[in-house]
Amino acid sequence: MPFRTSGWNACNALVGAGDYSGDGRPDVLARDTSGRNFLYKGTGTAAAPFAAPEQIAADWGVYDTLVVPGDIDGDSNGDVLARVPNGTCTRT
């Protein structure tokens, strides 16, 4: 699926996740309204900046906030902080 400038309304969360795929290009995480989480790998090409989405998780609808602070645990991978409505946060 090429990058589209429309149709993103199927997502209720978009976060710039840094480089999750390890290929040196910035990626994006998107959560759809059913709670599935998708990775859009960066391609490095302006005409098609993201590859086809890959589902990487399900059941993320329980989180009301997603934040991408970078690599907070020092493992050279981007981290996501997710918060549930009661205020509890988890690192994923």
C-alpha atoms as a PDB file:
ATOM      1  CA  MET A   1       0.000   0.000   0.000  1.00  0.00           C
ATOM      2  CA  PRO A   2       1.593   3.318  -0.984  1.00  0.00           C
ATOM      3  CA  PHE A   3       1.473   6.280   1.362  1.00  0.00           C
ATOM      4  CA  ARG A   4      -1.871   8.050   1.240  1.00  0.00           C
ATOM      5  CA  THR A   5      -2.627  11.575   2.306  1.00  0.00           C
ATOM      6  CA  SER A   6      -6.201  10.536   3.088  1.00  0.00           C
ATOM      7  CA  GLY A   7      -7.744   7.618   4.919  1.00  0.00           C
ATOM      8  CA  TRP A   8      -5.819   8.165   8.149  1.00  0.00           C
ATOM      9  CA  ASN A   9      -9.137   8.746   9.939  1.00  0.00           C
ATOM     10  CA  ALA A  10      -9.196   4.976  10.495  1.00  0.00           C
ATOM     11  CA  CYS A  11      -6.489   5.678  13.091  1.00  0.00           C
ATOM     12  CA  ASN A  12      -7.091   7.192  16.495  1.00  0.00           C
ATOM     13  CA  ALA A  13      -3.407   7.469  17.413  1.00  0.00           C
ATOM     14  CA  LEU A  14      -0.334   8.298  15.322  1.00  0.00           C
ATOM     15  CA  VAL A  15       3.124   8.588  16.846  1.00  0.00           C
ATOM     16  CA  GLY A  16       6.509   9.231  15.330  1.00  0.00           C
ATOM     17  CA  ALA A  17       8.410   6.286  16.671  1.00  0.00           C
ATOM     18  CA  GLY A  18      11.947   6.874  15.486  1.00  0.00           C
ATOM     19  CA  ASP A  19      13.529   3.846  13.863  1.00  0.00           C
ATOM     20  CA  TYR A  20      11.656   0.760  15.046  1.00  0.00           C
ATOM     21  CA  SER A  21      12.645  -1.459  12.141  1.00  0.00           C
ATOM     22  CA  GLY A  22      16.393  -0.948  12.599  1.00  0.00           C
ATOM     23  CA  ASP A  23      17.022   0.150   9.020  1.00  0.00           C
ATOM     24  CA  GLY A  24      18.134   3.705   9.864  1.00  0.00           C
ATOM     25  CA  ARG A  25      14.938   5.361   8.601  1.00  0.00           C
ATOM     26  CA  PRO A  26      12.227   6.957  10.758  1.00  0.00           C
ATOM     27  CA  ASP A  27       9.045   4.938  11.150  1.00  0.00           C
ATOM     28  CA  VAL A  28       5.488   5.696  12.313  1.00  0.00           C
ATOM     29  CA  LEU A  29       3.189   3.730  14.604  1.00  0.00           C
ATOM     30  CA  ALA A  30      -0.560   3.955  14.014  1.00  0.00           C
ATOM     31  CA  ARG A  31      -3.384   2.523  16.106  1.00  0.00           C
ATOM     32  CA  ASP A  32      -6.713   1.900  14.406  1.00  0.00           C
ATOM     33  CA  THR A  33     -10.097   2.251  16.055  1.00  0.00           C
ATOM     34  CA  SER A  34     -10.265  -1.489  16.830  1.00  0.00           C
ATOM     35  CA  GLY A  35      -7.039  -1.256  18.880  1.00  0.00           C
ATOM     36  CA  ARG A  36      -4.663  -2.851  16.374  1.00  0.00           C
ATOM     37  CA  ASN A  37      -1.213  -1.265  16.219  1.00  0.00           C
ATOM     38  CA  PHE A  38       0.617  -0.969  12.892  1.00  0.00           C
ATOM     39  CA  LEU A  39       4.197  -0.165  11.961  1.00  0.00           C
ATOM     40  CA  TYR A  40       4.747   1.963   8.877  1.00  0.00           C
ATOM     41  CA  LYS A  41       8.417   1.539   7.982  1.00  0.00           C
ATOM     42  CA  GLY A  42      10.108   4.578   6.513  1.00  0.00           C
ATOM     43  CA  THR A  43      11.400   4.138   2.976  1.00  0.00           C
ATOM     44  CA  GLY A  44      13.586   7.219   2.593  1.00  0.00           C
ATOM     45  CA  THR A  45      11.665   8.153  -0.569  1.00  0.00           C
ATOM     46  CA  ALA A  46       9.646  11.376  -0.586  1.00  0.00           C
ATOM     47  CA  ALA A  47       7.107  10.100  -3.135  1.00  0.00           C
ATOM     48  CA  ALA A  48       6.304   7.039  -0.991  1.00  0.00           C
ATOM     49  CA  PRO A  49       7.711   7.710   2.495  1.00  0.00           C
ATOM     50  CA  PHE A  50       6.242   4.601   4.154  1.00  0.00           C
ATOM     51  CA  ALA A  51       6.050   0.935   3.236  1.00  0.00           C
ATOM     52  CA  ALA A  52       2.826  -1.055   3.563  1.00  0.00           C
ATOM     53  CA  PRO A  53       1.651  -1.246   7.174  1.00  0.00           C
ATOM     54  CA  GLU A  54       2.537  -4.286   9.268  1.00  0.00           C
ATOM     55  CA  GLN A  55       0.317  -5.190  12.207  1.00  0.00           C
ATOM     56  CA  ILE A  56       2.591  -5.488  15.231  1.00  0.00           C
ATOM     57  CA  ALA A  57       0.106  -5.672  18.110  1.00  0.00           C
ATOM     58  CA  ALA A  58      -3.565  -5.936  19.015  1.00  0.00           C
ATOM     59  CA  ASP A  59      -5.624  -4.868  22.017  1.00  0.00           C
ATOM     60  CA  TRP A  60      -4.034  -1.417  22.237  1.00  0.00           C
ATOM     61  CA  GLY A  61      -7.482   0.159  22.537  1.00  0.00           C
ATOM     62  CA  VAL A  62      -7.122   0.029  26.344  1.00  0.00           C
ATOM     63  CA  TYR A  63      -4.568   2.853  26.209  1.00  0.00           C
ATOM     64  CA  ASP A  64      -5.815   6.425  26.154  1.00  0.00           C
ATOM     65  CA  THR A  65      -2.401   8.008  25.512  1.00  0.00           C
ATOM     66  CA  LEU A  66       0.664   6.915  23.548  1.00  0.00           C
ATOM     67  CA  VAL A  67       3.942   8.833  23.806  1.00  0.00           C
ATOM     68  CA  VAL A  68       7.246   8.154  22.070  1.00  0.00           C
ATOM     69  CA  PRO A  69      10.070   9.620  24.183  1.00  0.00           C
ATOM     70  CA  GLY A  70      12.881   7.907  22.261  1.00  0.00           C
ATOM     71  CA  ASP A  71      15.178   5.231  23.641  1.00  0.00           C
ATOM     72  CA  ILE A  72      14.594   5.501  27.389  1.00  0.00           C
ATOM     73  CA  ASP A  73      16.095   2.154  28.385  1.00  0.00           C
ATOM     74  CA  GLY A  74      19.360   2.397  26.442  1.00  0.00           C
ATOM     75  CA  ASP A  75      18.867  -0.620  24.170  1.00  0.00           C
ATOM     76  CA  SER A  76      19.170   1.436  20.942  1.00  0.00           C
ATOM     77  CA  ASN A  77      15.482   0.868  20.111  1.00  0.00           C
ATOM     78  CA  GLY A  78      12.669   3.414  20.313  1.00  0.00           C
ATOM     79  CA  ASP A  79      10.267   2.967  23.216  1.00  0.00           C
ATOM     80  CA  VAL A  80       6.555   3.722  23.563  1.00  0.00           C
ATOM     81  CA  LEU A  81       4.940   4.778  26.814  1.00  0.00           C
ATOM     82  CA  ALA A  82       1.280   3.847  26.993  1.00  0.00           C
ATOM     83  CA  ARG A  83      -1.189   5.030  29.643  1.00  0.00           C
ATOM     84  CA  VAL A  84      -4.480   3.437  30.656  1.00  0.00           C
ATOM     85  CA  PRO A  85      -7.331   5.714  31.823  1.00  0.00           C
ATOM     86  CA  ASN A  86      -6.593   5.113  35.535  1.00  0.00           C
ATOM     87  CA  GLY A  87      -3.194   6.756  35.048  1.00  0.00           C
ATOM     88  CA  THR A  88      -0.975   3.662  35.031  1.00  0.00           C
ATOM     89  CA  CYS A  89       1.824   3.813  32.462  1.00  0.00           C
ATOM     90  CA  THR A  90       3.712   0.992  30.853  1.00  0.00           C
ATOM     91  CA  ARG A  91       6.716   0.898  28.517  1.00  0.00           C
ATOM     92  CA  THR A  92       6.291  -1.234  25.438  1.00  0.00           C
END
